[in-house]
Amino acid sequence: MAPTTRELTLIGLLGLALCALPAVSQAGDAAAGREKARQCRTCHGIDGIARIPIAPHIAGESEIYLVTQLKAFRSGKRTHEIMTVIAKDLTDEDMADLAAWYAAIKFEVTLPE
């Protein structure tokens, strides 16, 4: 039985959605990321918990999110006076390693009663 027009449309939309996902070119090395995170510790902390009020906590964020944001800073798509300068010199490997390190950090949240 041949696929219906609706089925073909859904298959096409799924294909387009998959193509739109950001590609992660390589898996990062968390141990290397920990070493590279020394430059991040002043604002984000080596543990991913921000040390200054204007920096976000990044511990436990997904690797895809972190790499996407670092690439946005590097390209100028996203700007911040500090992060734009820092990200411009990061390689794709540096970004993957940093993302692997911060994504690997686990923490627990306790809701108030």
PDB file of N, CA and C in Angstrom:
ATOM      1  N   MET A   1       0.843  -1.164   0.000  1.00  0.00           N
ATOM      2  CA  MET A   1       0.000   0.000   0.000  1.00  0.00           C
ATOM      3  C   MET A   1       0.899   1.241   0.000  1.00  0.00           C
ATOM      4  N   ALA A   2       0.612   2.163  -0.883  1.00  0.00           N
ATOM      5  CA  ALA A   2       1.393   3.403  -0.998  1.00  0.00           C
ATOM      6  C   ALA A   2       1.047   4.341   0.148  1.00  0.00           C
ATOM      7  N   PRO A   3       2.055   5.101   0.618  1.00  0.00           N
ATOM      8  CA  PRO A   3       1.781   6.056   1.694  1.00  0.00           C
ATOM      9  C   PRO A   3       0.842   7.161   1.218  1.00  0.00           C
ATOM     10  N   THR A   4       0.030   7.649   2.141  1.00  0.00           N
ATOM     11  CA  THR A   4      -0.904   8.725   1.822  1.00  0.00           C
ATOM     12  C   THR A   4      -0.156  10.057   1.776  1.00  0.00           C
ATOM     13  N   THR A   5      -0.821  11.053   1.249  1.00  0.00           N
ATOM     14  CA  THR A   5      -0.240  12.392   1.198  1.00  0.00           C
ATOM     15  C   THR A   5       0.060  12.888   2.612  1.00  0.00           C
ATOM     16  N   ARG A   6      -0.816  12.603   3.540  1.00  0.00           N
ATOM     17  CA  ARG A   6      -0.618  13.024   4.941  1.00  0.00           C
ATOM     18  C   ARG A   6       0.627  12.349   5.524  1.00  0.00           C
ATOM     19  N   GLU A   7       0.784  11.060   5.259  1.00  0.00           N
ATOM     20  CA  GLU A   7       1.955  10.338   5.765  1.00  0.00           C
ATOM     21  C   GLU A   7       3.241  10.880   5.152  1.00  0.00           C
ATOM     22  N   LEU A   8       3.217  11.156   3.860  1.00  0.00           N
ATOM     23  CA  LEU A   8       4.394  11.722   3.197  1.00  0.00           C
ATOM     24  C   LEU A   8       4.737  13.104   3.761  1.00  0.00           C
ATOM     25  N   THR A   9       3.712  13.891   4.046  1.00  0.00           N
ATOM     26  CA  THR A   9       3.930  15.216   4.636  1.00  0.00           C
ATOM     27  C   THR A   9       4.564  15.093   6.011  1.00  0.00           C
ATOM     28  N   LEU A  10       4.059  14.182   6.826  1.00  0.00           N
ATOM     29  CA  LEU A  10       4.614  13.981   8.165  1.00  0.00           C
ATOM     30  C   LEU A  10       6.059  13.496   8.104  1.00  0.00           C
ATOM     31  N   ILE A  11       6.351  12.610   7.183  1.00  0.00           N
ATOM     32  CA  ILE A  11       7.723  12.119   7.010  1.00  0.00           C
ATOM     33  C   ILE A  11       8.636  13.281   6.594  1.00  0.00           C
ATOM     34  N   GLY A  12       8.155  14.088   5.696  1.00  0.00           N
ATOM     35  CA  GLY A  12       8.938  15.247   5.245  1.00  0.00           C
ATOM     36  C   GLY A  12       9.194  16.232   6.373  1.00  0.00           C
ATOM     37  N   LEU A  13       8.171  16.507   7.178  1.00  0.00           N
ATOM     38  CA  LEU A  13       8.333  17.422   8.306  1.00  0.00           C
ATOM     39  C   LEU A  13       9.296  16.864   9.341  1.00  0.00           C
ATOM     40  N   LEU A  14       9.230  15.577   9.585  1.00  0.00           N
ATOM     41  CA  LEU A  14      10.155  14.943  10.520  1.00  0.00           C
ATOM     42  C   LEU A  14      11.581  15.066  10.010  1.00  0.00           C
ATOM     43  N   GLY A  15      11.775  14.850   8.735  1.00  0.00           N
ATOM     44  CA  GLY A  15      13.107  14.993   8.144  1.00  0.00           C
ATOM     45  C   GLY A  15      13.643  16.404   8.278  1.00  0.00           C
ATOM     46  N   LEU A  16      12.786  17.395   8.037  1.00  0.00           N
ATOM     47  CA  LEU A  16      13.204  18.786   8.194  1.00  0.00           C
ATOM     48  C   LEU A  16      13.546  19.098   9.645  1.00  0.00           C
ATOM     49  N   ALA A  17      12.754  18.591  10.563  1.00  0.00           N
ATOM     50  CA  ALA A  17      13.017  18.825  11.990  1.00  0.00           C
ATOM     51  C   ALA A  17      14.359  18.229  12.395  1.00  0.00           C
ATOM     52  N   LEU A  18      14.648  17.037  11.914  1.00  0.00           N
ATOM     53  CA  LEU A  18      15.928  16.406  12.250  1.00  0.00           C
ATOM     54  C   LEU A  18      17.099  17.183  11.669  1.00  0.00           C
ATOM     55  N   CYS A  19      16.932  17.745  10.490  1.00  0.00           N
ATOM     56  CA  CYS A  19      17.997  18.533   9.877  1.00  0.00           C
ATOM     57  C   CYS A  19      18.236  19.832  10.632  1.00  0.00           C
ATOM     58  N   ALA A  20      17.206  20.338  11.296  1.00  0.00           N
ATOM     59  CA  ALA A  20      17.326  21.611  12.004  1.00  0.00           C
ATOM     60  C   ALA A  20      17.997  21.466  13.366  1.00  0.00           C
ATOM     61  N   LEU A  21      18.126  20.251  13.877  1.00  0.00           N
ATOM     62  CA  LEU A  21      18.769  20.060  15.166  1.00  0.00           C
ATOM     63  C   LEU A  21      20.234  20.437  15.086  1.00  0.00           C
ATOM     64  N   PRO A  22      20.749  21.099  16.143  1.00  0.00           N
ATOM     65  CA  PRO A  22      22.168  21.453  16.099  1.00  0.00           C
ATOM     66  C   PRO A  22      23.029  20.206  16.131  1.00  0.00           C
ATOM     67  N   ALA A  23      24.032  20.192  15.293  1.00  0.00           N
ATOM     68  CA  ALA A  23      24.930  19.043  15.250  1.00  0.00           C
ATOM     69  C   ALA A  23      26.025  19.207  16.288  1.00  0.00           C
ATOM     70  N   VAL A  24      26.282  18.155  17.021  1.00  0.00           N
ATOM     71  CA  VAL A  24      27.399  18.140  17.944  1.00  0.00           C
ATOM     72  C   VAL A  24      28.470  17.321  17.251  1.00  0.00           C
ATOM     73  N   SER A  25      29.544  18.001  16.858  1.00  0.00           N
ATOM     74  CA  SER A  25      30.536  17.365  16.015  1.00  0.00           C
ATOM     75  C   SER A  25      31.358  16.323  16.736  1.00  0.00           C
ATOM     76  N   GLN A  26      31.457  16.443  18.052  1.00  0.00           N
ATOM     77  CA  GLN A  26      32.270  15.486  18.779  1.00  0.00           C
ATOM     78  C   GLN A  26      31.841  15.450  20.228  1.00  0.00           C
ATOM     79  N   ALA A  27      32.081  14.306  20.835  1.00  0.00           N
ATOM     80  CA  ALA A  27      31.802  14.190  22.253  1.00  0.00           C
ATOM     81  C   ALA A  27      32.957  14.827  22.996  1.00  0.00           C
ATOM     82  N   GLY A  28      32.624  15.587  24.024  1.00  0.00           N
ATOM     83  CA  GLY A  28      33.660  16.257  24.787  1.00  0.00           C
ATOM     84  C   GLY A  28      34.306  15.342  25.813  1.00  0.00           C
ATOM     85  N   ASP A  29      35.460  15.748  26.271  1.00  0.00           N
ATOM     86  CA  ASP A  29      36.224  15.047  27.294  1.00  0.00           C
ATOM     87  C   ASP A  29      36.069  15.836  28.591  1.00  0.00           C
ATOM     88  N   ALA A  30      35.311  15.289  29.537  1.00  0.00           N
ATOM     89  CA  ALA A  30      35.028  16.001  30.781  1.00  0.00           C
ATOM     90  C   ALA A  30      36.293  16.307  31.576  1.00  0.00           C
ATOM     91  N   ALA A  31      37.258  15.383  31.585  1.00  0.00           N
ATOM     92  CA  ALA A  31      38.504  15.628  32.330  1.00  0.00           C
ATOM     93  C   ALA A  31      39.265  16.806  31.726  1.00  0.00           C
ATOM     94  N   ALA A  32      39.325  16.864  30.408  1.00  0.00           N
ATOM     95  CA  ALA A  32      39.971  17.997  29.746  1.00  0.00           C
ATOM     96  C   ALA A  32      39.171  19.272  30.000  1.00  0.00           C
ATOM     97  N   GLY A  33      37.857  19.142  30.022  1.00  0.00           N
ATOM     98  CA  GLY A  33      36.991  20.287  30.295  1.00  0.00           C
ATOM     99  C   GLY A  33      37.219  20.863  31.678  1.00  0.00           C
ATOM    100  N   ARG A  34      37.482  20.001  32.652  1.00  0.00           N
ATOM    101  CA  ARG A  34      37.746  20.489  34.011  1.00  0.00           C
ATOM    102  C   ARG A  34      38.994  21.372  34.019  1.00  0.00           C
ATOM    103  N   GLU A  35      40.017  20.960  33.297  1.00  0.00           N
ATOM    104  CA  GLU A  35      41.238  21.767  33.213  1.00  0.00           C
ATOM    105  C   GLU A  35      40.961  23.100  32.518  1.00  0.00           C
ATOM    106  N   LYS A  36      40.203  23.040  31.434  1.00  0.00           N
ATOM    107  CA  LYS A  36      39.898  24.257  30.673  1.00  0.00           C
ATOM    108  C   LYS A  36      38.961  25.186  31.444  1.00  0.00           C
ATOM    109  N   ALA A  37      38.180  24.630  32.380  1.00  0.00           N
ATOM    110  CA  ALA A  37      37.214  25.413  33.144  1.00  0.00           C
ATOM    111  C   ALA A  37      37.880  26.356  34.137  1.00  0.00           C
ATOM    112  N   ARG A  38      39.183  26.256  34.280  1.00  0.00           N
ATOM    113  CA  ARG A  38      39.891  27.196  35.171  1.00  0.00           C
ATOM    114  C   ARG A  38      39.630  28.636  34.749  1.00  0.00           C
ATOM    115  N   GLN A  39      39.511  28.862  33.441  1.00  0.00           N
ATOM    116  CA  GLN A  39      39.243  30.218  32.961  1.00  0.00           C
ATOM    117  C   GLN A  39      37.795  30.641  33.218  1.00  0.00           C
ATOM    118  N   CYS A  40      36.931  29.696  33.550  1.00  0.00           N
ATOM    119  CA  CYS A  40      35.516  29.976  33.779  1.00  0.00           C
ATOM    120  C   CYS A  40      35.197  30.173  35.266  1.00  0.00           C
ATOM    121  N   ARG A  41      36.099  29.729  36.113  1.00  0.00           N
ATOM    122  CA  ARG A  41      35.794  29.647  37.541  1.00  0.00           C
ATOM    123  C   ARG A  41      35.527  30.985  38.209  1.00  0.00           C
ATOM    124  N   THR A  42      36.096  32.059  37.716  1.00  0.00           N
ATOM    125  CA  THR A  42      35.870  33.355  38.352  1.00  0.00           C
ATOM    126  C   THR A  42      34.395  33.729  38.333  1.00  0.00           C
ATOM    127  N   CYS A  43      33.742  33.477  37.239  1.00  0.00           N
ATOM    128  CA  CYS A  43      32.323  33.836  37.121  1.00  0.00           C
ATOM    129  C   CYS A  43      31.391  32.659  37.391  1.00  0.00           C
ATOM    130  N   HIS A  44      31.659  31.510  36.751  1.00  0.00           N
ATOM    131  CA  HIS A  44      30.752  30.361  36.824  1.00  0.00           C
ATOM    132  C   HIS A  44      31.153  29.330  37.869  1.00  0.00           C
ATOM    133  N   GLY A  45      32.353  29.453  38.418  1.00  0.00           N
ATOM    134  CA  GLY A  45      32.840  28.472  39.381  1.00  0.00           C
ATOM    135  C   GLY A  45      33.279  27.202  38.688  1.00  0.00           C
ATOM    136  N   ILE A  46      34.270  26.535  39.234  1.00  0.00           N
ATOM    137  CA  ILE A  46      34.725  25.262  38.673  1.00  0.00           C
ATOM    138  C   ILE A  46      33.609  24.225  38.793  1.00  0.00           C
ATOM    139  N   ASP A  47      32.712  24.445  39.771  1.00  0.00           N
ATOM    140  CA  ASP A  47      31.596  23.531  39.994  1.00  0.00           C
ATOM    141  C   ASP A  47      30.327  23.936  39.247  1.00  0.00           C
ATOM    142  N   GLY A  48      30.411  25.018  38.466  1.00  0.00           N
ATOM    143  CA  GLY A  48      29.257  25.453  37.674  1.00  0.00           C
ATOM    144  C   GLY A  48      28.258  26.293  38.431  1.00  0.00           C
ATOM    145  N   ILE A  49      28.568  26.624  39.676  1.00  0.00           N
ATOM    146  CA  ILE A  49      27.681  27.481  40.476  1.00  0.00           C
ATOM    147  C   ILE A  49      28.267  28.892  40.423  1.00  0.00           C
ATOM    148  N   ALA A  50      27.500  29.819  39.857  1.00  0.00           N
ATOM    149  CA  ALA A  50      27.983  31.176  39.608  1.00  0.00           C
ATOM    150  C   ALA A  50      28.503  31.850  40.870  1.00  0.00           C
ATOM    151  N   ARG A  51      29.574  32.594  40.700  1.00  0.00           N
ATOM    152  CA  ARG A  51      30.207  33.321  41.800  1.00  0.00           C
ATOM    153  C   ARG A  51      29.830  34.793  41.814  1.00  0.00           C
ATOM    154  N   ILE A  52      29.301  35.271  40.709  1.00  0.00           N
ATOM    155  CA  ILE A  52      28.891  36.669  40.630  1.00  0.00           C
ATOM    156  C   ILE A  52      27.429  36.724  40.187  1.00  0.00           C
ATOM    157  N   PRO A  53      26.717  37.763  40.614  1.00  0.00           N
ATOM    158  CA  PRO A  53      25.272  37.820  40.344  1.00  0.00           C
ATOM    159  C   PRO A  53      24.872  37.843  38.866  1.00  0.00           C
ATOM    160  N   ILE A  54      25.739  38.338  37.987  1.00  0.00           N
ATOM    161  CA  ILE A  54      25.341  38.439  36.572  1.00  0.00           C
ATOM    162  C   ILE A  54      25.635  37.181  35.761  1.00  0.00           C
ATOM    163  N   ALA A  55      26.269  36.188  36.377  1.00  0.00           N
ATOM    164  CA  ALA A  55      26.605  34.953  35.661  1.00  0.00           C
ATOM    165  C   ALA A  55      25.587  33.862  36.004  1.00  0.00           C
ATOM    166  N   PRO A  56      25.197  33.078  35.017  1.00  0.00           N
ATOM    167  CA  PRO A  56      24.266  31.987  35.301  1.00  0.00           C
ATOM    168  C   PRO A  56      24.978  30.759  35.871  1.00  0.00           C
ATOM    169  N   HIS A  57      24.241  29.973  36.631  1.00  0.00           N
ATOM    170  CA  HIS A  57      24.728  28.659  37.041  1.00  0.00           C
ATOM    171  C   HIS A  57      24.685  27.785  35.790  1.00  0.00           C
ATOM    172  N   ILE A  58      25.747  27.031  35.542  1.00  0.00           N
ATOM    173  CA  ILE A  58      25.769  26.178  34.349  1.00  0.00           C
ATOM    174  C   ILE A  58      25.972  24.704  34.681  1.00  0.00           C
ATOM    175  N   ALA A  59      26.126  24.379  35.961  1.00  0.00           N
ATOM    176  CA  ALA A  59      26.269  22.976  36.359  1.00  0.00           C
ATOM    177  C   ALA A  59      25.030  22.195  35.956  1.00  0.00           C
ATOM    178  N   GLY A  60      25.241  21.043  35.342  1.00  0.00           N
ATOM    179  CA  GLY A  60      24.129  20.173  34.987  1.00  0.00           C
ATOM    180  C   GLY A  60      23.378  20.549  33.723  1.00  0.00           C
ATOM    181  N   GLU A  61      23.751  21.653  33.083  1.00  0.00           N
ATOM    182  CA  GLU A  61      23.102  22.007  31.812  1.00  0.00           C
ATOM    183  C   GLU A  61      23.487  20.962  30.760  1.00  0.00           C
ATOM    184  N   SER A  62      22.679  20.822  29.736  1.00  0.00           N
ATOM    185  CA  SER A  62      22.980  19.829  28.702  1.00  0.00           C
ATOM    186  C   SER A  62      24.168  20.281  27.860  1.00  0.00           C
ATOM    187  N   GLU A  63      24.913  19.302  27.363  1.00  0.00           N
ATOM    188  CA  GLU A  63      26.061  19.608  26.513  1.00  0.00           C
ATOM    189  C   GLU A  63      25.625  20.377  25.268  1.00  0.00           C
ATOM    190  N   ILE A  64      24.527  19.976  24.684  1.00  0.00           N
ATOM    191  CA  ILE A  64      24.054  20.635  23.467  1.00  0.00           C
ATOM    192  C   ILE A  64      23.771  22.110  23.737  1.00  0.00           C
ATOM    193  N   TYR A  65      23.103  22.390  24.841  1.00  0.00           N
ATOM    194  CA  TYR A  65      22.796  23.777  25.195  1.00  0.00           C
ATOM    195  C   TYR A  65      24.082  24.579  25.393  1.00  0.00           C
ATOM    196  N   LEU A  66      25.012  24.036  26.172  1.00  0.00           N
ATOM    197  CA  LEU A  66      26.248  24.767  26.464  1.00  0.00           C
ATOM    198  C   LEU A  66      27.068  25.029  25.204  1.00  0.00           C
ATOM    199  N   VAL A  67      27.225  24.024  24.351  1.00  0.00           N
ATOM    200  CA  VAL A  67      27.975  24.210  23.107  1.00  0.00           C
ATOM    201  C   VAL A  67      27.270  25.234  22.219  1.00  0.00           C
ATOM    202  N   THR A  68      25.960  25.140  22.125  1.00  0.00           N
ATOM    203  CA  THR A  68      25.192  26.080  21.298  1.00  0.00           C
ATOM    204  C   THR A  68      25.409  27.517  21.768  1.00  0.00           C
ATOM    205  N   GLN A  69      25.371  27.731  23.078  1.00  0.00           N
ATOM    206  CA  GLN A  69      25.556  29.079  23.606  1.00  0.00           C
ATOM    207  C   GLN A  69      26.987  29.580  23.388  1.00  0.00           C
ATOM    208  N   LEU A  70      27.970  28.714  23.612  1.00  0.00           N
ATOM    209  CA  LEU A  70      29.359  29.125  23.388  1.00  0.00           C
ATOM    210  C   LEU A  70      29.594  29.481  21.915  1.00  0.00           C
ATOM    211  N   LYS A  71      29.023  28.688  21.017  1.00  0.00           N
ATOM    212  CA  LYS A  71      29.170  28.990  19.590  1.00  0.00           C
ATOM    213  C   LYS A  71      28.465  30.301  19.232  1.00  0.00           C
ATOM    214  N   ALA A  72      27.334  30.568  19.868  1.00  0.00           N
ATOM    215  CA  ALA A  72      26.613  31.824  19.619  1.00  0.00           C
ATOM    216  C   ALA A  72      27.452  33.012  20.087  1.00  0.00           C
ATOM    217  N   PHE A  73      28.125  32.886  21.217  1.00  0.00           N
ATOM    218  CA  PHE A  73      29.016  33.958  21.677  1.00  0.00           C
ATOM    219  C   PHE A  73      30.193  34.124  20.716  1.00  0.00           C
ATOM    220  N   ARG A  74      30.765  33.005  20.266  1.00  0.00           N
ATOM    221  CA  ARG A  74      31.917  33.066  19.372  1.00  0.00           C
ATOM    222  C   ARG A  74      31.554  33.718  18.037  1.00  0.00           C
ATOM    223  N   SER A  75      30.398  33.400  17.522  1.00  0.00           N
ATOM    224  CA  SER A  75      29.989  33.931  16.215  1.00  0.00           C
ATOM    225  C   SER A  75      29.463  35.363  16.280  1.00  0.00           C
ATOM    226  N   GLY A  76      29.118  35.822  17.479  1.00  0.00           N
ATOM    227  CA  GLY A  76      28.527  37.152  17.620  1.00  0.00           C
ATOM    228  C   GLY A  76      27.016  37.133  17.573  1.00  0.00           C
ATOM    229  N   LYS A  77      26.423  35.950  17.376  1.00  0.00           N
ATOM    230  CA  LYS A  77      24.961  35.840  17.371  1.00  0.00           C
ATOM    231  C   LYS A  77      24.406  36.221  18.742  1.00  0.00           C
ATOM    232  N   ARG A  78      25.157  35.899  19.774  1.00  0.00           N
ATOM    233  CA  ARG A  78      24.820  36.294  21.142  1.00  0.00           C
ATOM    234  C   ARG A  78      25.998  37.105  21.656  1.00  0.00           C
ATOM    235  N   THR A  79      25.726  38.208  22.341  1.00  0.00           N
ATOM    236  CA  THR A  79      26.830  39.050  22.801  1.00  0.00           C
ATOM    237  C   THR A  79      26.764  39.302  24.304  1.00  0.00           C
ATOM    238  N   HIS A  80      27.929  39.408  24.872  1.00  0.00           N
ATOM    239  CA  HIS A  80      28.127  39.772  26.263  1.00  0.00           C
ATOM    240  C   HIS A  80      29.559  40.259  26.342  1.00  0.00           C
ATOM    241  N   GLU A  81      29.798  41.352  27.031  1.00  0.00           N
ATOM    242  CA  GLU A  81      31.133  41.954  26.980  1.00  0.00           C
ATOM    243  C   GLU A  81      32.245  41.017  27.423  1.00  0.00           C
ATOM    244  N   ILE A  82      31.977  40.102  28.331  1.00  0.00           N
ATOM    245  CA  ILE A  82      33.008  39.160  28.783  1.00  0.00           C
ATOM    246  C   ILE A  82      32.986  37.882  27.952  1.00  0.00           C
ATOM    247  N   MET A  83      31.820  37.269  27.802  1.00  0.00           N
ATOM    248  CA  MET A  83      31.732  35.973  27.118  1.00  0.00           C
ATOM    249  C   MET A  83      32.111  36.050  25.639  1.00  0.00           C
ATOM    250  N   THR A  84      31.807  37.155  24.994  1.00  0.00           N
ATOM    251  CA  THR A  84      32.176  37.293  23.582  1.00  0.00           C
ATOM    252  C   THR A  84      33.690  37.249  23.424  1.00  0.00           C
ATOM    253  N   VAL A  85      34.397  37.903  24.323  1.00  0.00           N
ATOM    254  CA  VAL A  85      35.860  37.915  24.271  1.00  0.00           C
ATOM    255  C   VAL A  85      36.423  36.530  24.575  1.00  0.00           C
ATOM    256  N   ILE A  86      35.883  35.871  25.590  1.00  0.00           N
ATOM    257  CA  ILE A  86      36.378  34.548  25.978  1.00  0.00           C
ATOM    258  C   ILE A  86      36.095  33.514  24.886  1.00  0.00           C
ATOM    259  N   ALA A  87      34.876  33.501  24.371  1.00  0.00           N
ATOM    260  CA  ALA A  87      34.470  32.472  23.411  1.00  0.00           C
ATOM    261  C   ALA A  87      35.167  32.595  22.061  1.00  0.00           C
ATOM    262  N   LYS A  88      35.617  33.784  21.703  1.00  0.00           N
ATOM    263  CA  LYS A  88      36.206  33.962  20.366  1.00  0.00           C
ATOM    264  C   LYS A  88      37.451  33.107  20.160  1.00  0.00           C
ATOM    265  N   ASP A  89      38.149  32.777  21.234  1.00  0.00           N
ATOM    266  CA  ASP A  89      39.367  31.975  21.113  1.00  0.00           C
ATOM    267  C   ASP A  89      39.151  30.487  21.395  1.00  0.00           C
ATOM    268  N   LEU A  90      37.924  30.093  21.708  1.00  0.00           N
ATOM    269  CA  LEU A  90      37.656  28.682  21.986  1.00  0.00           C
ATOM    270  C   LEU A  90      37.487  27.897  20.691  1.00  0.00           C
ATOM    271  N   THR A  91      38.123  26.741  20.618  1.00  0.00           N
ATOM    272  CA  THR A  91      37.929  25.846  19.476  1.00  0.00           C
ATOM    273  C   THR A  91      36.668  25.019  19.709  1.00  0.00           C
ATOM    274  N   ASP A  92      36.218  24.319  18.688  1.00  0.00           N
ATOM    275  CA  ASP A  92      35.078  23.419  18.858  1.00  0.00           C
ATOM    276  C   ASP A  92      35.393  22.357  19.915  1.00  0.00           C
ATOM    277  N   GLU A  93      36.638  21.881  19.923  1.00  0.00           N
ATOM    278  CA  GLU A  93      37.046  20.885  20.920  1.00  0.00           C
ATOM    279  C   GLU A  93      36.995  21.470  22.329  1.00  0.00           C
ATOM    280  N   ASP A  94      37.468  22.701  22.505  1.00  0.00           N
ATOM    281  CA  ASP A  94      37.393  23.355  23.815  1.00  0.00           C
ATOM    282  C   ASP A  94      35.948  23.436  24.285  1.00  0.00           C
ATOM    283  N   MET A  95      35.067  23.843  23.391  1.00  0.00           N
ATOM    284  CA  MET A  95      33.656  23.988  23.743  1.00  0.00           C
ATOM    285  C   MET A  95      33.050  22.648  24.129  1.00  0.00           C
ATOM    286  N   ALA A  96      33.363  21.605  23.368  1.00  0.00           N
ATOM    287  CA  ALA A  96      32.837  20.274  23.667  1.00  0.00           C
ATOM    288  C   ALA A  96      33.357  19.778  25.018  1.00  0.00           C
ATOM    289  N   ASP A  97      34.628  20.030  25.298  1.00  0.00           N
ATOM    290  CA  ASP A  97      35.210  19.598  26.570  1.00  0.00           C
ATOM    291  C   ASP A  97      34.588  20.348  27.744  1.00  0.00           C
ATOM    292  N   LEU A  98      34.462  21.663  27.619  1.00  0.00           N
ATOM    293  CA  LEU A  98      33.847  22.455  28.689  1.00  0.00           C
ATOM    294  C   LEU A  98      32.397  22.020  28.916  1.00  0.00           C
ATOM    295  N   ALA A  99      31.674  21.813  27.840  1.00  0.00           N
ATOM    296  CA  ALA A  99      30.278  21.385  27.953  1.00  0.00           C
ATOM    297  C   ALA A  99      30.184  20.013  28.619  1.00  0.00           C
ATOM    298  N   ALA A 100      31.092  19.110  28.269  1.00  0.00           N
ATOM    299  CA  ALA A 100      31.093  17.771  28.890  1.00  0.00           C
ATOM    300  C   ALA A 100      31.344  17.878  30.391  1.00  0.00           C
ATOM    301  N   TRP A 101      32.280  18.746  30.786  1.00  0.00           N
ATOM    302  CA  TRP A 101      32.581  18.915  32.207  1.00  0.00           C
ATOM    303  C   TRP A 101      31.375  19.461  32.961  1.00  0.00           C
ATOM    304  N   TYR A 102      30.839  20.585  32.512  1.00  0.00           N
ATOM    305  CA  TYR A 102      29.734  21.203  33.247  1.00  0.00           C
ATOM    306  C   TYR A 102      28.458  20.355  33.193  1.00  0.00           C
ATOM    307  N   ALA A 103      28.235  19.654  32.100  1.00  0.00           N
ATOM    308  CA  ALA A 103      27.051  18.783  32.008  1.00  0.00           C
ATOM    309  C   ALA A 103      27.166  17.578  32.927  1.00  0.00           C
ATOM    310  N   ALA A 104      28.392  17.148  33.208  1.00  0.00           N
ATOM    311  CA  ALA A 104      28.601  15.970  34.062  1.00  0.00           C
ATOM    312  C   ALA A 104      28.389  16.253  35.544  1.00  0.00           C
ATOM    313  N   ILE A 105      28.340  17.513  35.918  1.00  0.00           N
ATOM    314  CA  ILE A 105      28.156  17.866  37.331  1.00  0.00           C
ATOM    315  C   ILE A 105      26.714  17.583  37.736  1.00  0.00           C
ATOM    316  N   LYS A 106      26.570  16.840  38.804  1.00  0.00           N
ATOM    317  CA  LYS A 106      25.237  16.499  39.317  1.00  0.00           C
ATOM    318  C   LYS A 106      24.994  17.260  40.616  1.00  0.00           C
ATOM    319  N   PHE A 107      23.788  17.688  40.804  1.00  0.00           N
ATOM    320  CA  PHE A 107      23.443  18.360  42.046  1.00  0.00           C
ATOM    321  C   PHE A 107      22.007  18.005  42.397  1.00  0.00           C
ATOM    322  N   GLU A 108      21.636  18.288  43.585  1.00  0.00           N
ATOM    323  CA  GLU A 108      20.295  17.955  44.070  1.00  0.00           C
ATOM    324  C   GLU A 108      19.553  19.228  44.438  1.00  0.00           C
ATOM    325  N   VAL A 109      18.313  19.263  44.106  1.00  0.00           N
ATOM    326  CA  VAL A 109      17.462  20.414  44.428  1.00  0.00           C
ATOM    327  C   VAL A 109      16.463  19.970  45.492  1.00  0.00           C
ATOM    328  N   THR A 110      16.312  20.780  46.505  1.00  0.00           N
ATOM    329  CA  THR A 110      15.349  20.485  47.557  1.00  0.00           C
ATOM    330  C   THR A 110      14.293  21.592  47.557  1.00  0.00           C
ATOM    331  N   LEU A 111      13.067  21.194  47.344  1.00  0.00           N
ATOM    332  CA  LEU A 111      11.974  22.155  47.331  1.00  0.00           C
ATOM    333  C   LEU A 111      11.562  22.492  48.769  1.00  0.00           C
ATOM    334  N   PRO A 112      11.152  23.728  49.007  1.00  0.00           N
ATOM    335  CA  PRO A 112      10.685  24.079  50.351  1.00  0.00           C
ATOM    336  C   PRO A 112       9.378  23.346  50.652  1.00  0.00           C
ATOM    337  N   GLU A 113       9.160  23.124  51.884  1.00  0.00           N
ATOM    338  CA  GLU A 113       7.922  22.419  52.258  1.00  0.00           C
ATOM    339  C   GLU A 113       6.804  23.369  52.537  1.00  0.00           C
TER     340      GLU A 113
END
